Amino acid sequence: MKGFIPTELSKKQNYQLLTSAVAPRPIAFITTISEAGVLNAAPFSYFNVISAEPPLLSVSIGRKKGQQKDTARNILQVGEFVVHVTDEDIIEAVNQSAMNLPPDESEVDKIKLSPTVSDVVGVPSIKETKVRFECKLEKHLVFEEGESATDVIIGKIVKYHVDDDLIKDGVVDTKKLKPVARLGGKQYAKLGKIFELERPE
C-alpha cells in the first residue's frame, strides 16, 4: 500500500486524491440570493447530511484566491439558502451552473431554469428539481491552511419538498429519483445496483 503525507502534497494533489477516493459524493445544487437581489446557483460535492434531529446538512465551499465564492457570501449575508438534490434529469444544467459569472449575473437566467417561490425562506427554489431543502444558516466555520481557506456552512432544514410520485410513507424512492454522484475529475455516476443488509442487533 502506498502512503502519502498531506503536507508534502500540493493543493491540487490533495484534491485529486481525496475526490477520486471519497466517492461517490452527492451533489448539492444550491440557490442563494445576494443582498442586491441576484439569484445565484452552483453545485457542490463536499456535501452531506449530518443530523436528523435537528435536521442539519453541511456544505464546504473553497475560497478562490482567498475570496469567498458567491454562494458562501450570500448565505452569510442573507442567512438562507436552498439545497436541491441533483438527479439525471438536471445534471447537465447543474454542471452548466458552475460557470464563472460576476456577482451581478444569475446562473439561473443563463441556463434558463425556472425559479419558484419557496415556502419558508426568501431564496427562490428551482422548479425543475424533484427534491429540495429550504435551509437557514445554523453555523459558519472557516478552515485555513497557508493561502487556502474553506467556508463550511451548516444549514438547518426548515422545509422539505419531494415530488408526489417519489415518496411513500415518508421514504423517497431512490430508484425513481435517479440521483447523480460526483467522482474524481470530470467523472460522474448514476445509481448502480442496490442491495440490502440486515443491521446486527
C-alpha atoms as a PDB file:
ATOM      1  CA  MET A   1       0.000   0.000   0.000  1.00  0.00           C
ATOM      2  CA  LYS A   2       1.322   3.425  -0.954  1.00  0.00           C
ATOM      3  CA  GLY A   3       1.364   6.150   1.694  1.00  0.00           C
ATOM      4  CA  PHE A   4       1.064   9.906   1.299  1.00  0.00           C
ATOM      5  CA  ILE A   5       1.605  12.779   3.740  1.00  0.00           C
ATOM      6  CA  PRO A   6      -0.856  15.623   3.024  1.00  0.00           C
ATOM      7  CA  THR A   7       1.618  18.381   3.878  1.00  0.00           C
ATOM      8  CA  GLU A   8       4.016  17.025   1.245  1.00  0.00           C
ATOM      9  CA  LEU A   9       1.388  17.249  -1.492  1.00  0.00           C
ATOM     10  CA  SER A  10       0.210  20.319  -3.378  1.00  0.00           C
ATOM     11  CA  LYS A  11      -3.357  21.576  -3.033  1.00  0.00           C
ATOM     12  CA  LYS A  12      -4.158  20.052  -6.431  1.00  0.00           C
ATOM     13  CA  GLN A  13      -2.652  16.694  -5.474  1.00  0.00           C
ATOM     14  CA  ASN A  14      -4.629  16.581  -2.222  1.00  0.00           C
ATOM     15  CA  TYR A  15      -7.791  17.488  -4.105  1.00  0.00           C
ATOM     16  CA  GLN A  16      -7.261  14.818  -6.762  1.00  0.00           C
ATOM     17  CA  LEU A  17      -6.519  12.109  -4.209  1.00  0.00           C
ATOM     18  CA  LEU A  18      -9.486  12.955  -1.970  1.00  0.00           C
ATOM     19  CA  THR A  19     -12.101  13.424  -4.667  1.00  0.00           C
ATOM     20  CA  SER A  20     -11.156  10.231  -6.505  1.00  0.00           C
ATOM     21  CA  ALA A  21     -11.031   8.138  -3.301  1.00  0.00           C
ATOM     22  CA  VAL A  22     -14.015   9.552  -1.404  1.00  0.00           C
ATOM     23  CA  ALA A  23     -16.641   8.644  -3.961  1.00  0.00           C
ATOM     24  CA  PRO A  24     -19.431   8.692  -4.900  1.00  0.00           C
ATOM     25  CA  ARG A  25     -20.401  12.045  -3.389  1.00  0.00           C
ATOM     26  CA  PRO A  26     -23.899  13.583  -3.556  1.00  0.00           C
ATOM     27  CA  ILE A  27     -24.117  16.912  -5.352  1.00  0.00           C
ATOM     28  CA  ALA A  28     -25.835  19.841  -3.668  1.00  0.00           C
ATOM     29  CA  PHE A  29     -27.304  22.247  -6.210  1.00  0.00           C
ATOM     30  CA  ILE A  30     -27.596  25.390  -4.109  1.00  0.00           C
ATOM     31  CA  THR A  31     -29.522  28.573  -4.755  1.00  0.00           C
ATOM     32  CA  THR A  32     -28.772  31.753  -2.826  1.00  0.00           C
ATOM     33  CA  ILE A  33     -29.720  35.367  -3.263  1.00  0.00           C
ATOM     34  CA  SER A  34     -27.436  38.374  -2.915  1.00  0.00           C
ATOM     35  CA  GLU A  35     -28.251  41.497  -0.942  1.00  0.00           C
ATOM     36  CA  ALA A  36     -28.817  43.144  -4.326  1.00  0.00           C
ATOM     37  CA  GLY A  37     -31.431  40.508  -5.183  1.00  0.00           C
ATOM     38  CA  VAL A  38     -29.451  38.449  -7.728  1.00  0.00           C
ATOM     39  CA  LEU A  39     -30.298  34.736  -7.717  1.00  0.00           C
ATOM     40  CA  ASN A  40     -27.182  32.549  -7.696  1.00  0.00           C
ATOM     41  CA  ALA A  41     -26.989  28.802  -8.353  1.00  0.00           C
ATOM     42  CA  ALA A  42     -23.972  26.495  -8.052  1.00  0.00           C
ATOM     43  CA  PRO A  43     -23.073  22.819  -7.459  1.00  0.00           C
ATOM     44  CA  PHE A  44     -21.017  21.482  -4.543  1.00  0.00           C
ATOM     45  CA  SER A  45     -19.973  17.883  -3.886  1.00  0.00           C
ATOM     46  CA  TYR A  46     -18.360  18.452  -0.479  1.00  0.00           C
ATOM     47  CA  PHE A  47     -21.837  17.995   0.924  1.00  0.00           C
ATOM     48  CA  ASN A  48     -23.918  15.684   3.118  1.00  0.00           C
ATOM     49  CA  VAL A  49     -26.500  15.463   5.892  1.00  0.00           C
ATOM     50  CA  ILE A  50     -25.031  15.487   9.397  1.00  0.00           C
ATOM     51  CA  SER A  51     -28.039  15.124  11.693  1.00  0.00           C
ATOM     52  CA  ALA A  52     -31.720  14.145  11.595  1.00  0.00           C
ATOM     53  CA  GLU A  53     -32.682  15.795  14.884  1.00  0.00           C
ATOM     54  CA  PRO A  54     -32.186  18.644  14.393  1.00  0.00           C
ATOM     55  CA  PRO A  55     -32.246  18.213  10.591  1.00  0.00           C
ATOM     56  CA  LEU A  56     -28.853  19.592   9.558  1.00  0.00           C
ATOM     57  CA  LEU A  57     -26.730  19.439   6.431  1.00  0.00           C
ATOM     58  CA  SER A  58     -23.263  20.721   5.656  1.00  0.00           C
ATOM     59  CA  VAL A  59     -21.528  22.037   2.584  1.00  0.00           C
ATOM     60  CA  SER A  60     -17.886  23.053   2.225  1.00  0.00           C
ATOM     61  CA  ILE A  61     -17.132  25.919  -0.143  1.00  0.00           C
ATOM     62  CA  GLY A  62     -13.494  26.525  -1.002  1.00  0.00           C
ATOM     63  CA  ARG A  63     -12.401  30.106  -1.483  1.00  0.00           C
ATOM     64  CA  LYS A  64     -10.875  31.189  -4.781  1.00  0.00           C
ATOM     65  CA  LYS A  65      -7.624  33.143  -4.432  1.00  0.00           C
ATOM     66  CA  GLY A  66      -8.652  33.974  -0.875  1.00  0.00           C
ATOM     67  CA  GLN A  67     -12.056  35.345  -1.899  1.00  0.00           C
ATOM     68  CA  GLN A  68     -15.361  33.840  -0.803  1.00  0.00           C
ATOM     69  CA  LYS A  69     -17.493  32.406  -3.581  1.00  0.00           C
ATOM     70  CA  ASP A  70     -20.881  34.000  -4.252  1.00  0.00           C
ATOM     71  CA  THR A  71     -22.717  31.106  -2.585  1.00  0.00           C
ATOM     72  CA  ALA A  72     -20.863  31.410   0.726  1.00  0.00           C
ATOM     73  CA  ARG A  73     -21.023  35.200   0.765  1.00  0.00           C
ATOM     74  CA  ASN A  74     -24.750  35.237   0.000  1.00  0.00           C
ATOM     75  CA  ILE A  75     -25.537  32.666   2.694  1.00  0.00           C
ATOM     76  CA  LEU A  76     -23.601  34.637   5.289  1.00  0.00           C
ATOM     77  CA  GLN A  77     -25.226  37.923   4.291  1.00  0.00           C
ATOM     78  CA  VAL A  78     -28.810  36.696   3.920  1.00  0.00           C
ATOM     79  CA  GLY A  79     -28.790  33.667   6.261  1.00  0.00           C
ATOM     80  CA  GLU A  80     -30.879  31.440   3.976  1.00  0.00           C
ATOM     81  CA  PHE A  81     -30.396  29.065   1.040  1.00  0.00           C
ATOM     82  CA  VAL A  82     -32.000  26.134  -0.787  1.00  0.00           C
ATOM     83  CA  VAL A  83     -30.301  22.787  -1.453  1.00  0.00           C
ATOM     84  CA  HIS A  84     -31.612  20.753  -4.392  1.00  0.00           C
ATOM     85  CA  VAL A  85     -30.756  17.093  -4.953  1.00  0.00           C
ATOM     86  CA  THR A  86     -29.038  16.608  -8.312  1.00  0.00           C
ATOM     87  CA  ASP A  87     -30.620  13.915 -10.492  1.00  0.00           C
ATOM     88  CA  GLU A  88     -30.168  12.576 -14.024  1.00  0.00           C
ATOM     89  CA  ASP A  89     -32.754  14.949 -15.496  1.00  0.00           C
ATOM     90  CA  ILE A  90     -30.988  18.117 -14.341  1.00  0.00           C
ATOM     91  CA  ILE A  91     -27.306  17.126 -14.215  1.00  0.00           C
ATOM     92  CA  GLU A  92     -26.455  18.954 -17.463  1.00  0.00           C
ATOM     93  CA  ALA A  93     -27.973  22.192 -16.158  1.00  0.00           C
ATOM     94  CA  VAL A  94     -26.302  21.728 -12.773  1.00  0.00           C
ATOM     95  CA  ASN A  95     -22.936  21.286 -14.469  1.00  0.00           C
ATOM     96  CA  GLN A  96     -23.515  24.431 -16.537  1.00  0.00           C
ATOM     97  CA  SER A  97     -24.236  26.401 -13.353  1.00  0.00           C
ATOM     98  CA  ALA A  98     -20.556  26.032 -12.391  1.00  0.00           C
ATOM     99  CA  MET A  99     -19.717  28.736 -14.972  1.00  0.00           C
ATOM    100  CA  ASN A 100     -17.766  31.753 -13.769  1.00  0.00           C
ATOM    101  CA  LEU A 101     -20.088  34.741 -13.680  1.00  0.00           C
ATOM    102  CA  PRO A 102     -19.761  38.088 -11.915  1.00  0.00           C
ATOM    103  CA  PRO A 103     -21.932  38.502  -8.783  1.00  0.00           C
ATOM    104  CA  ASP A 104     -24.456  40.682 -10.615  1.00  0.00           C
ATOM    105  CA  GLU A 105     -25.331  37.942 -13.147  1.00  0.00           C
ATOM    106  CA  SER A 106     -27.566  34.944 -12.453  1.00  0.00           C
ATOM    107  CA  GLU A 107     -26.678  31.394 -13.492  1.00  0.00           C
ATOM    108  CA  VAL A 108     -30.385  30.548 -13.306  1.00  0.00           C
ATOM    109  CA  ASP A 109     -31.120  33.069 -16.048  1.00  0.00           C
ATOM    110  CA  LYS A 110     -28.170  31.954 -18.172  1.00  0.00           C
ATOM    111  CA  ILE A 111     -29.104  28.266 -18.194  1.00  0.00           C
ATOM    112  CA  LYS A 112     -32.832  29.013 -18.405  1.00  0.00           C
ATOM    113  CA  LEU A 113     -34.036  27.226 -15.274  1.00  0.00           C
ATOM    114  CA  SER A 114     -37.333  28.181 -13.638  1.00  0.00           C
ATOM    115  CA  PRO A 115     -37.157  29.855 -10.224  1.00  0.00           C
ATOM    116  CA  THR A 116     -40.151  29.329  -7.963  1.00  0.00           C
ATOM    117  CA  VAL A 117     -41.112  30.935  -4.659  1.00  0.00           C
ATOM    118  CA  SER A 118     -40.018  28.978  -1.573  1.00  0.00           C
ATOM    119  CA  ASP A 119     -42.443  28.492   1.320  1.00  0.00           C
ATOM    120  CA  VAL A 120     -40.320  29.441   4.335  1.00  0.00           C
ATOM    121  CA  VAL A 121     -37.122  31.114   3.134  1.00  0.00           C
ATOM    122  CA  GLY A 122     -36.831  34.131   0.865  1.00  0.00           C
ATOM    123  CA  VAL A 123     -34.464  32.380  -1.562  1.00  0.00           C
ATOM    124  CA  PRO A 124     -36.206  31.011  -4.675  1.00  0.00           C
ATOM    125  CA  SER A 125     -36.062  27.296  -5.451  1.00  0.00           C
ATOM    126  CA  ILE A 126     -35.611  25.607  -8.830  1.00  0.00           C
ATOM    127  CA  LYS A 127     -38.842  24.202 -10.233  1.00  0.00           C
ATOM    128  CA  GLU A 128     -37.155  21.501 -12.348  1.00  0.00           C
ATOM    129  CA  THR A 129     -35.795  19.646  -9.302  1.00  0.00           C
ATOM    130  CA  LYS A 130     -37.556  16.720  -7.605  1.00  0.00           C
ATOM    131  CA  VAL A 131     -36.211  17.044  -4.044  1.00  0.00           C
ATOM    132  CA  ARG A 132     -35.142  20.209  -2.265  1.00  0.00           C
ATOM    133  CA  PHE A 133     -34.498  21.505   1.223  1.00  0.00           C
ATOM    134  CA  GLU A 134     -35.176  25.054   2.344  1.00  0.00           C
ATOM    135  CA  CYS A 135     -32.440  25.956   4.843  1.00  0.00           C
ATOM    136  CA  LYS A 136     -31.440  28.612   7.322  1.00  0.00           C
ATOM    137  CA  LEU A 137     -27.842  29.210   8.343  1.00  0.00           C
ATOM    138  CA  GLU A 138     -27.085  27.386  11.577  1.00  0.00           C
ATOM    139  CA  LYS A 139     -23.316  27.749  11.826  1.00  0.00           C
ATOM    140  CA  HIS A 140     -20.349  29.003   9.818  1.00  0.00           C
ATOM    141  CA  LEU A 141     -16.829  27.648  10.238  1.00  0.00           C
ATOM    142  CA  VAL A 142     -13.626  28.699   8.481  1.00  0.00           C
ATOM    143  CA  PHE A 143     -10.629  26.426   7.998  1.00  0.00           C
ATOM    144  CA  GLU A 144      -7.363  27.961   6.775  1.00  0.00           C
ATOM    145  CA  GLU A 145      -4.166  26.317   5.597  1.00  0.00           C
ATOM    146  CA  GLY A 146      -1.442  28.510   4.142  1.00  0.00           C
ATOM    147  CA  GLU A 147      -3.019  30.625   1.422  1.00  0.00           C
ATOM    148  CA  SER A 148      -6.103  28.409   1.161  1.00  0.00           C
ATOM    149  CA  ALA A 149      -9.350  28.712   3.086  1.00  0.00           C
ATOM    150  CA  THR A 150     -12.679  26.883   3.142  1.00  0.00           C
ATOM    151  CA  ASP A 151     -16.056  28.090   4.372  1.00  0.00           C
ATOM    152  CA  VAL A 152     -18.050  25.299   5.997  1.00  0.00           C
ATOM    153  CA  ILE A 153     -21.752  26.066   6.082  1.00  0.00           C
ATOM    154  CA  ILE A 154     -24.112  24.146   8.354  1.00  0.00           C
ATOM    155  CA  GLY A 155     -27.734  24.665   7.466  1.00  0.00           C
ATOM    156  CA  LYS A 156     -30.886  23.770   9.360  1.00  0.00           C
ATOM    157  CA  ILE A 157     -33.610  22.377   7.126  1.00  0.00           C
ATOM    158  CA  VAL A 158     -36.867  24.247   7.715  1.00  0.00           C
ATOM    159  CA  LYS A 159     -38.915  22.574   4.965  1.00  0.00           C
ATOM    160  CA  TYR A 160     -38.621  19.529   2.719  1.00  0.00           C
ATOM    161  CA  HIS A 161     -40.094  19.357  -0.793  1.00  0.00           C
ATOM    162  CA  VAL A 162     -40.438  15.990  -2.560  1.00  0.00           C
ATOM    163  CA  ASP A 163     -42.335  15.225  -5.781  1.00  0.00           C
ATOM    164  CA  ASP A 164     -45.529  13.289  -5.079  1.00  0.00           C
ATOM    165  CA  ASP A 165     -44.579  10.271  -7.197  1.00  0.00           C
ATOM    166  CA  LEU A 166     -41.248   9.860  -5.386  1.00  0.00           C
ATOM    167  CA  ILE A 167     -42.414   9.485  -1.800  1.00  0.00           C
ATOM    168  CA  LYS A 168     -44.366   6.821   0.063  1.00  0.00           C
ATOM    169  CA  ASP A 169     -44.768   6.534   3.839  1.00  0.00           C
ATOM    170  CA  GLY A 170     -42.144   9.237   4.327  1.00  0.00           C
ATOM    171  CA  VAL A 171     -39.497   7.422   2.277  1.00  0.00           C
ATOM    172  CA  VAL A 172     -38.082   8.687  -1.028  1.00  0.00           C
ATOM    173  CA  ASP A 173     -37.898   6.102  -3.819  1.00  0.00           C
ATOM    174  CA  THR A 174     -34.229   6.424  -4.729  1.00  0.00           C
ATOM    175  CA  LYS A 175     -34.646   4.457  -7.968  1.00  0.00           C
ATOM    176  CA  LYS A 176     -37.244   6.923  -9.208  1.00  0.00           C
ATOM    177  CA  LEU A 177     -35.223   9.922  -8.035  1.00  0.00           C
ATOM    178  CA  LYS A 178     -32.191   8.788 -10.081  1.00  0.00           C
ATOM    179  CA  PRO A 179     -29.603  10.807  -8.137  1.00  0.00           C
ATOM    180  CA  VAL A 180     -26.252  11.599  -9.739  1.00  0.00           C
ATOM    181  CA  ALA A 181     -22.995  11.481  -7.782  1.00  0.00           C
ATOM    182  CA  ARG A 182     -19.622  13.123  -8.317  1.00  0.00           C
ATOM    183  CA  LEU A 183     -16.466  11.072  -8.688  1.00  0.00           C
ATOM    184  CA  GLY A 184     -12.939  12.321  -9.388  1.00  0.00           C
ATOM    185  CA  GLY A 185     -12.007  14.684 -12.212  1.00  0.00           C
ATOM    186  CA  LYS A 186     -14.755  15.001 -14.827  1.00  0.00           C
ATOM    187  CA  GLN A 187     -16.439  11.746 -13.841  1.00  0.00           C
ATOM    188  CA  TYR A 188     -19.981  11.334 -12.548  1.00  0.00           C
ATOM    189  CA  ALA A 189     -22.001   8.246 -11.631  1.00  0.00           C
ATOM    190  CA  LYS A 190     -25.603   7.150 -11.934  1.00  0.00           C
ATOM    191  CA  LEU A 191     -27.293   4.887  -9.422  1.00  0.00           C
ATOM    192  CA  GLY A 192     -25.951   1.339  -9.672  1.00  0.00           C
ATOM    193  CA  LYS A 193     -27.091  -1.968  -8.245  1.00  0.00           C
ATOM    194  CA  ILE A 194     -28.993  -1.655  -4.955  1.00  0.00           C
ATOM    195  CA  PHE A 195     -28.716  -4.320  -2.251  1.00  0.00           C
ATOM    196  CA  GLU A 196     -29.793  -4.677   1.368  1.00  0.00           C
ATOM    197  CA  LEU A 197     -28.003  -5.820   4.529  1.00  0.00           C
ATOM    198  CA  GLU A 198     -29.535  -6.522   7.923  1.00  0.00           C
ATOM    199  CA  ARG A 199     -28.054  -4.471  10.742  1.00  0.00           C
ATOM    200  CA  PRO A 200     -26.640  -6.569  13.624  1.00  0.00           C
ATOM    201  CA  GLU A 201     -28.560  -6.279  16.902  1.00  0.00           C
END
